[in-house]
Structures are given as structure tokens and as C-alpha cells.
Amino acid sequence: MVRKFAMLLAVALVAMTFSAADAGVKVGDQAPDIKGVPTTDGKQVNLDDAKDAKAIVVCFTCNECPVAKAYEDRFIGFTKKYADKGVKFIAINVNAREDLDAMKQRAEEKGLNYPYAYEASGASAVAYGAKVTPHIFVLDGDRKVAYMGAFDDNQNPDRVGKAYVADAVDAILAGESVPVTQTRPVGCGIQIRK
């Protein structure tokens, strides 16, 4: 129990830093395509399938990271709030140590209401420049990157002051400029197969 708490605390305190040059995309770039990535419900994620969406939230996440797990309920709540507004939330796991079977179990246990896809190659994470789980990219209606970074400003849901993703999506839906376009994501490092 103490070891688990120490691990949680260590992960919570470590922010992965990177410069814009390290990222695969920058705000304003056309989002890399995502095609044929299998999901926990037996379907596939294709950005083309969401061509009518007013905004798409691409979330690189995983099963094992305590930070990513801490955000799952917020992702579920976000999806409930925005699905009827033309917003699509897509979660992608690229971690080499995980697999689709374990993801299926996690999706069922949590009642995930959004596509949860597994891309063994990690190609989309490389293309986007995702570094940690969770790492979020908000795409506007033209599939340009409008925001990238953290979901919000606090891992503790009771202490959230800035809801970066919701603010970005609200701005896109209102036809306004996104107020904060980039933040530093915090979480466990993504481990892609080599």
C-alpha cells in the first residue's frame, strides 16, 4: 500500500517536459490521420468516420498509468456532456506492455462510453508527438490541432481550476479562438515498441 502510494505520488509530481520542436505536431497543423486502429468494442477508429464532428478530442492514454486511470471518470463525463454537441472523444493506447484484451476488460469495468483503441505500432503517438498518458490533442472542424497538452490543471478532480480541453472545445463550438492552445501534459511516459 505504501509502495503504491509512493508510486502514485512520484508519477503525480513528475511532469514530462518537452519543447515544441520535440512534438510531432504544433498548434495549427493539420492533424495526422488515424486509420484502422482496432477498438475494445470490435470496431476500428478512423478519423474519416468523424468527418462531420465539430471537434475531435484525441487522447493518448493507457490501462496502467495511475494518472491516466485518475482521468477516466472525467473522460466519461466529458463524453456524456459533449457527444450531443457534435464532439467526438477517441482514446488510443500505444504502450508496448499492454494489449487489447486487457483494454477490453478495463473498458467493461469502467463503462467507457468512447472508443478505446489499441495501436501496437505506436505510429499515431509518434505522428502527434504524444509523450505521456494522458496526452490530449483537440482538433477543430477542419482537423487542425487547436489545443494540445493536459486535460485540465489538476489531477485531483476536486481541485480543477482550468478545464483546458472543455474550454478549447467550447471555443471551437462558439466559433471563437481557443483561449489556451498548449499546456504541459503530466503522466507516465509512453512506451512504444521498437
Protein backbone atom coordinates (compact mmCIF):
# COMPACT_ATOMS: atom_id res chain seq x y z
CA MET A 1 0.00 0.00 0.00
CA VAL A 2 2.80 2.41 0.94
CA ARG A 3 4.72 1.45 -2.20
CA LYS A 4 1.66 2.03 -4.38
CA PHE A 5 1.05 5.43 -2.77
CA ALA A 6 4.72 6.37 -3.27
CA MET A 7 4.46 5.39 -6.94
CA LEU A 8 1.28 7.42 -7.36
CA LEU A 9 2.85 10.41 -5.69
CA ALA A 10 6.01 10.16 -7.78
CA VAL A 11 4.04 9.96 -11.00
CA ALA A 12 1.81 12.82 -9.93
CA LEU A 13 4.77 15.06 -9.19
CA VAL A 14 6.72 14.33 -12.36
CA ALA A 15 5.77 16.43 -15.37
CA MET A 16 7.25 15.36 -18.64
CA THR A 17 8.72 18.43 -20.29
CA PHE A 18 9.33 18.84 -23.96
CA SER A 19 9.84 21.69 -26.36
CA ALA A 20 7.67 22.41 -29.35
CA ALA A 21 10.49 21.07 -31.52
CA ASP A 22 10.11 17.65 -29.88
CA ALA A 23 6.41 17.45 -30.66
CA GLY A 24 5.14 15.75 -33.78
CA VAL A 25 2.57 18.47 -34.41
CA LYS A 26 2.17 22.09 -33.46
CA VAL A 27 -0.99 24.05 -32.84
CA GLY A 28 -2.41 25.00 -36.23
CA ASP A 29 -1.00 21.92 -38.02
CA GLN A 30 -3.23 19.56 -39.92
CA ALA A 31 -3.80 16.56 -37.64
CA PRO A 32 -2.19 13.29 -38.72
CA ASP A 33 -4.71 10.75 -39.94
CA ILE A 34 -5.66 7.78 -37.82
CA LYS A 35 -6.96 4.75 -39.71
CA GLY A 36 -7.98 1.20 -38.94
CA VAL A 37 -7.00 1.11 -35.29
CA PRO A 38 -8.93 -1.70 -33.51
CA THR A 39 -11.11 -0.78 -30.53
CA THR A 40 -12.26 -2.64 -27.45
CA ASP A 41 -15.77 -2.98 -28.90
CA GLY A 42 -14.57 -4.82 -32.02
CA LYS A 43 -14.71 -1.79 -34.33
CA GLN A 44 -11.98 0.46 -35.67
CA VAL A 45 -11.05 4.09 -35.15
CA ASN A 46 -10.82 6.15 -38.32
CA LEU A 47 -10.74 9.94 -38.23
CA ASP A 48 -12.68 9.88 -41.50
CA ASP A 49 -15.61 8.32 -39.65
CA ALA A 50 -15.88 11.53 -37.61
CA LYS A 51 -15.78 13.87 -40.61
CA ASP A 52 -19.00 15.58 -39.51
CA ALA A 53 -17.75 16.18 -35.97
CA LYS A 54 -17.36 19.83 -34.97
CA ALA A 55 -14.36 18.86 -32.84
CA ILE A 56 -12.42 15.69 -32.09
CA VAL A 57 -10.51 15.02 -28.89
CA VAL A 58 -7.68 12.53 -29.42
CA CYS A 59 -6.44 11.22 -26.08
CA PHE A 60 -3.34 9.06 -25.77
CA THR A 61 -3.88 7.04 -22.61
CA CYS A 62 -3.36 3.56 -21.18
CA ASN A 63 -4.55 0.99 -18.64
CA GLU A 64 -1.65 1.03 -16.21
CA CYS A 65 -0.67 4.65 -15.52
CA PRO A 66 -2.21 5.91 -12.25
CA VAL A 67 -2.55 9.40 -13.72
CA ALA A 68 -4.38 8.10 -16.81
CA LYS A 69 -6.66 5.99 -14.61
CA ALA A 70 -7.43 9.01 -12.44
CA TYR A 71 -8.80 10.81 -15.50
CA GLU A 72 -11.10 8.07 -16.81
CA ASP A 73 -14.19 9.30 -14.97
CA ARG A 74 -13.56 12.81 -16.30
CA PHE A 75 -13.26 11.45 -19.85
CA ILE A 76 -16.57 9.61 -19.39
CA GLY A 77 -18.22 12.79 -18.06
CA PHE A 78 -16.79 14.88 -20.89
CA THR A 79 -18.11 12.42 -23.48
CA LYS A 80 -21.59 12.49 -21.90
CA LYS A 81 -21.62 16.28 -21.91
CA TYR A 82 -20.33 16.84 -25.46
CA ALA A 83 -21.45 13.84 -27.57
CA ASP A 84 -24.76 15.52 -28.48
CA LYS A 85 -22.90 18.71 -29.43
CA GLY A 86 -21.03 17.11 -32.32
CA VAL A 87 -17.83 16.37 -30.41
CA LYS A 88 -16.04 13.02 -30.68
CA PHE A 89 -13.70 11.70 -27.96
CA ILE A 90 -11.22 8.98 -29.02
CA ALA A 91 -8.77 7.26 -26.66
CA ILE A 92 -5.72 5.48 -28.06
CA ASN A 93 -3.35 3.20 -26.18
CA VAL A 94 0.08 2.65 -27.78
CA ASN A 95 2.00 1.24 -24.81
CA ALA A 96 4.06 -1.81 -25.73
CA ARG A 97 3.40 -3.57 -22.40
CA GLU A 98 -0.38 -3.55 -22.84
CA ASP A 99 -2.78 -5.36 -25.13
CA LEU A 100 -6.31 -5.20 -26.46
CA ASP A 101 -7.64 -7.99 -24.20
CA ALA A 102 -6.65 -6.12 -21.03
CA MET A 103 -8.11 -2.94 -22.51
CA LYS A 104 -11.41 -4.70 -23.20
CA GLN A 105 -11.58 -5.73 -19.57
CA ARG A 106 -10.79 -2.18 -18.40
CA ALA A 107 -13.38 -0.68 -20.77
CA GLU A 108 -16.04 -3.02 -19.43
CA GLU A 109 -15.12 -2.45 -15.76
CA LYS A 110 -15.20 1.34 -16.16
CA GLY A 111 -18.12 1.50 -18.57
CA LEU A 112 -16.14 3.58 -21.07
CA ASN A 113 -18.51 5.47 -23.36
CA TYR A 114 -15.95 6.40 -26.00
CA PRO A 115 -13.84 4.41 -28.47
CA TYR A 116 -10.77 2.94 -26.77
CA ALA A 117 -8.30 1.80 -29.45
CA TYR A 118 -5.02 -0.10 -29.36
CA GLU A 119 -2.30 0.71 -31.86
CA ALA A 120 0.58 -1.69 -31.32
CA SER A 121 2.89 0.17 -33.71
CA GLY A 122 2.60 3.47 -31.84
CA ALA A 123 2.62 5.30 -35.19
CA SER A 124 -0.10 7.77 -34.23
CA ALA A 125 1.64 8.73 -30.97
CA VAL A 126 4.83 9.40 -32.91
CA ALA A 127 2.97 11.39 -35.57
CA TYR A 128 1.19 13.53 -32.97
CA GLY A 129 4.21 13.77 -30.66
CA ALA A 130 2.41 12.27 -27.66
CA LYS A 131 4.81 11.85 -24.75
CA VAL A 132 2.75 10.80 -21.72
CA THR A 133 -0.55 9.29 -20.71
CA PRO A 134 -2.83 11.12 -20.82
CA HIS A 135 -1.76 13.49 -23.61
CA ILE A 136 -4.62 15.29 -25.34
CA PHE A 137 -4.99 16.83 -28.80
CA VAL A 138 -8.14 18.81 -29.68
CA LEU A 139 -8.88 19.05 -33.39
CA ASP A 140 -11.22 21.63 -34.85
CA GLY A 141 -13.76 21.02 -37.63
CA ASP A 142 -11.03 21.34 -40.27
CA ARG A 143 -8.94 18.70 -38.41
CA LYS A 144 -6.31 21.23 -37.41
CA VAL A 145 -4.73 20.98 -33.97
CA ALA A 146 -6.38 23.66 -31.83
CA TYR A 147 -5.06 22.56 -28.43
CA MET A 148 -2.52 20.07 -27.10
CA GLY A 149 -1.48 19.13 -23.58
CA ALA A 150 -3.21 18.25 -20.33
CA PHE A 151 -6.92 17.58 -19.92
CA ASP A 152 -7.13 20.10 -17.09
CA ASP A 153 -4.89 21.72 -14.49
CA ASN A 154 -5.17 19.27 -11.61
CA GLN A 155 -5.10 15.51 -11.21
CA ASN A 156 -7.43 15.90 -8.22
CA PRO A 157 -10.93 16.34 -9.70
CA ASP A 158 -12.00 18.41 -6.69
CA ARG A 159 -9.28 21.00 -7.33
CA VAL A 160 -9.62 21.66 -11.06
CA GLY A 161 -9.38 25.36 -11.82
CA LYS A 162 -8.85 25.30 -15.59
CA ALA A 163 -10.59 22.78 -17.81
CA TYR A 164 -8.31 23.18 -20.84
CA VAL A 165 -9.98 20.64 -23.12
CA ALA A 166 -13.53 21.75 -22.31
CA ASP A 167 -12.51 25.39 -22.76
CA ALA A 168 -10.93 24.60 -26.14
CA VAL A 169 -13.97 22.66 -27.32
CA ASP A 170 -16.38 25.35 -26.09
CA ALA A 171 -14.40 27.97 -28.03
CA ILE A 172 -14.43 25.85 -31.20
CA LEU A 173 -18.18 25.28 -30.90
CA ALA A 174 -18.73 29.02 -30.42
CA GLY A 175 -16.51 29.89 -33.40
CA GLU A 176 -14.03 31.68 -31.14
CA SER A 177 -10.27 31.46 -30.64
CA VAL A 178 -9.11 28.78 -28.22
CA PRO A 179 -8.01 30.65 -25.05
CA VAL A 180 -5.11 28.32 -24.11
CA THR A 181 -3.61 26.38 -27.00
CA GLN A 182 -0.85 24.40 -25.29
CA THR A 183 -0.06 23.15 -21.80
CA ARG A 184 2.37 20.64 -20.38
CA PRO A 185 0.84 17.17 -20.07
CA VAL A 186 1.56 15.23 -16.89
CA GLY A 187 1.59 11.45 -16.64
CA CYS A 188 3.52 8.28 -17.28
CA GLY A 189 5.87 8.16 -20.25
CA ILE A 190 4.55 6.42 -23.33
CA GLN A 191 6.46 3.22 -24.12
CA ILE A 192 6.34 2.45 -27.82
CA ARG A 193 7.56 -0.84 -29.31
CA LYS A 194 10.90 -0.53 -31.05
